[in-house]
Amino acid sequence: MFGASVLTGDAELRNAANLVLYDEATGSYWSQLLVAGICGPQSGERLAILPSSVTTWGEWRADPRPEPRNRTPTPKPQRPS
């Protein structure tokens, strides 16, 4: 699983409209188009594609579902001692 931070700016490359990102944690380059490492120690490794959706702000706000789920629990307020 790809969980490292990705640099942007000077390390961002574009090749025929293909975004290539540099992963400083592994020293690898990742192709957006191929969904895989293309250079470095992770070369040939595939990324897992996670489910997602595209929506507008208005559609998202009108969605009747409850509050969005957070990946981490919201901390409970601490009572003063």
C-alpha atoms as a PDB file:
ATOM      1  CA  MET A   1       0.000   0.000   0.000  1.00  0.00           C
ATOM      2  CA  PHE A   2       1.236   3.466  -0.857  1.00  0.00           C
ATOM      3  CA  GLY A   3       1.144   5.539   2.280  1.00  0.00           C
ATOM      4  CA  ALA A   4       4.093   7.865   1.908  1.00  0.00           C
ATOM      5  CA  SER A   5       3.944  11.588   1.433  1.00  0.00           C
ATOM      6  CA  VAL A   6       4.345  12.852  -2.095  1.00  0.00           C
ATOM      7  CA  LEU A   7       6.232  15.977  -3.045  1.00  0.00           C
ATOM      8  CA  THR A   8       4.839  18.490  -5.495  1.00  0.00           C
ATOM      9  CA  GLY A   9       6.332  21.460  -7.287  1.00  0.00           C
ATOM     10  CA  ASP A  10       9.868  20.806  -8.524  1.00  0.00           C
ATOM     11  CA  ALA A  11       9.491  17.029  -8.109  1.00  0.00           C
ATOM     12  CA  GLU A  12       6.259  16.931 -10.119  1.00  0.00           C
ATOM     13  CA  LEU A  13       6.817  15.784 -13.682  1.00  0.00           C
ATOM     14  CA  ARG A  14       4.439  15.634 -16.592  1.00  0.00           C
ATOM     15  CA  ASN A  15       4.953  13.311 -19.517  1.00  0.00           C
ATOM     16  CA  ALA A  16       2.259  13.344 -22.236  1.00  0.00           C
ATOM     17  CA  ALA A  17      -0.357  14.511 -19.697  1.00  0.00           C
ATOM     18  CA  ASN A  18       0.690  11.728 -17.306  1.00  0.00           C
ATOM     19  CA  LEU A  19       1.337  12.994 -13.777  1.00  0.00           C
ATOM     20  CA  VAL A  20       4.438  11.392 -12.271  1.00  0.00           C
ATOM     21  CA  LEU A  21       4.894  11.810  -8.521  1.00  0.00           C
ATOM     22  CA  TYR A  22       8.032  11.320  -6.466  1.00  0.00           C
ATOM     23  CA  ASP A  23       7.702   9.395  -3.199  1.00  0.00           C
ATOM     24  CA  GLU A  24      10.446  10.678  -0.942  1.00  0.00           C
ATOM     25  CA  ALA A  25       9.929   7.848   1.606  1.00  0.00           C
ATOM     26  CA  THR A  26      10.915   5.155  -0.921  1.00  0.00           C
ATOM     27  CA  GLY A  27      12.785   7.157  -3.556  1.00  0.00           C
ATOM     28  CA  SER A  28      10.378   5.901  -6.233  1.00  0.00           C
ATOM     29  CA  TYR A  29       8.474   7.615  -9.040  1.00  0.00           C
ATOM     30  CA  TRP A  30       4.772   6.764  -9.495  1.00  0.00           C
ATOM     31  CA  SER A  31       2.765   7.072 -12.697  1.00  0.00           C
ATOM     32  CA  GLN A  32      -0.809   8.331 -12.365  1.00  0.00           C
ATOM     33  CA  LEU A  33      -1.700   6.808 -15.732  1.00  0.00           C
ATOM     34  CA  LEU A  34      -0.222   3.367 -15.028  1.00  0.00           C
ATOM     35  CA  VAL A  35      -1.146   3.354 -11.309  1.00  0.00           C
ATOM     36  CA  ALA A  36       2.277   1.859 -10.633  1.00  0.00           C
ATOM     37  CA  GLY A  37       5.851   2.588  -9.655  1.00  0.00           C
ATOM     38  CA  ILE A  38       7.908   3.330 -12.742  1.00  0.00           C
ATOM     39  CA  CYS A  39      11.377   3.993 -11.335  1.00  0.00           C
ATOM     40  CA  GLY A  40      13.163   3.260  -8.072  1.00  0.00           C
ATOM     41  CA  PRO A  41      12.798   0.528  -5.440  1.00  0.00           C
ATOM     42  CA  GLN A  42       9.011   0.322  -5.939  1.00  0.00           C
ATOM     43  CA  SER A  43       9.252  -0.001  -9.736  1.00  0.00           C
ATOM     44  CA  GLY A  44       6.585  -2.419 -10.988  1.00  0.00           C
ATOM     45  CA  GLU A  45       4.522  -2.261  -7.781  1.00  0.00           C
ATOM     46  CA  ARG A  46       0.827  -1.544  -8.410  1.00  0.00           C
ATOM     47  CA  LEU A  47      -1.272   0.838  -6.317  1.00  0.00           C
ATOM     48  CA  ALA A  48      -4.626  -0.206  -4.894  1.00  0.00           C
ATOM     49  CA  ILE A  49      -7.483   1.771  -6.415  1.00  0.00           C
ATOM     50  CA  LEU A  50      -9.851   2.939  -3.692  1.00  0.00           C
ATOM     51  CA  PRO A  51     -13.534   3.670  -4.282  1.00  0.00           C
ATOM     52  CA  SER A  52     -14.378   7.328  -4.817  1.00  0.00           C
ATOM     53  CA  SER A  53     -16.973   9.540  -6.417  1.00  0.00           C
ATOM     54  CA  VAL A  54     -17.115  12.886  -8.172  1.00  0.00           C
ATOM     55  CA  THR A  55     -19.758  15.350  -7.065  1.00  0.00           C
ATOM     56  CA  THR A  56     -20.485  19.042  -6.820  1.00  0.00           C
ATOM     57  CA  TRP A  57     -20.569  20.958  -3.549  1.00  0.00           C
ATOM     58  CA  GLY A  58     -24.324  21.462  -3.957  1.00  0.00           C
ATOM     59  CA  GLU A  59     -24.977  17.729  -4.453  1.00  0.00           C
ATOM     60  CA  TRP A  60     -22.800  16.856  -1.474  1.00  0.00           C
ATOM     61  CA  ARG A  61     -24.580  19.384   0.771  1.00  0.00           C
ATOM     62  CA  ALA A  62     -28.008  18.091  -0.347  1.00  0.00           C
ATOM     63  CA  ASP A  63     -27.125  14.453   0.438  1.00  0.00           C
ATOM     64  CA  PRO A  64     -29.468  13.259   3.217  1.00  0.00           C
ATOM     65  CA  ARG A  65     -26.877  10.963   4.795  1.00  0.00           C
ATOM     66  CA  PRO A  66     -25.614  11.788   8.291  1.00  0.00           C
ATOM     67  CA  GLU A  67     -22.315  13.481   9.007  1.00  0.00           C
ATOM     68  CA  PRO A  68     -19.312  12.145   7.055  1.00  0.00           C
ATOM     69  CA  ARG A  69     -17.369   9.355   8.700  1.00  0.00           C
ATOM     70  CA  ASN A  70     -13.872  10.305   9.795  1.00  0.00           C
ATOM     71  CA  ARG A  71     -10.950   7.959   9.426  1.00  0.00           C
ATOM     72  CA  THR A  72      -9.972   8.673  13.029  1.00  0.00           C
ATOM     73  CA  PRO A  73     -12.354   9.155  15.939  1.00  0.00           C
ATOM     74  CA  THR A  74     -13.023  12.690  17.087  1.00  0.00           C
ATOM     75  CA  PRO A  75     -11.341  13.200  20.458  1.00  0.00           C
ATOM     76  CA  LYS A  76     -13.733  13.645  23.367  1.00  0.00           C
ATOM     77  CA  PRO A  77     -13.345  16.876  25.347  1.00  0.00           C
ATOM     78  CA  GLN A  78     -11.438  16.418  28.568  1.00  0.00           C
ATOM     79  CA  ARG A  79     -12.983  17.632  31.806  1.00  0.00           C
ATOM     80  CA  PRO A  80     -10.801  20.036  33.764  1.00  0.00           C
ATOM     81  CA  SER A  81      -9.329  18.389  36.850  1.00  0.00           C
END
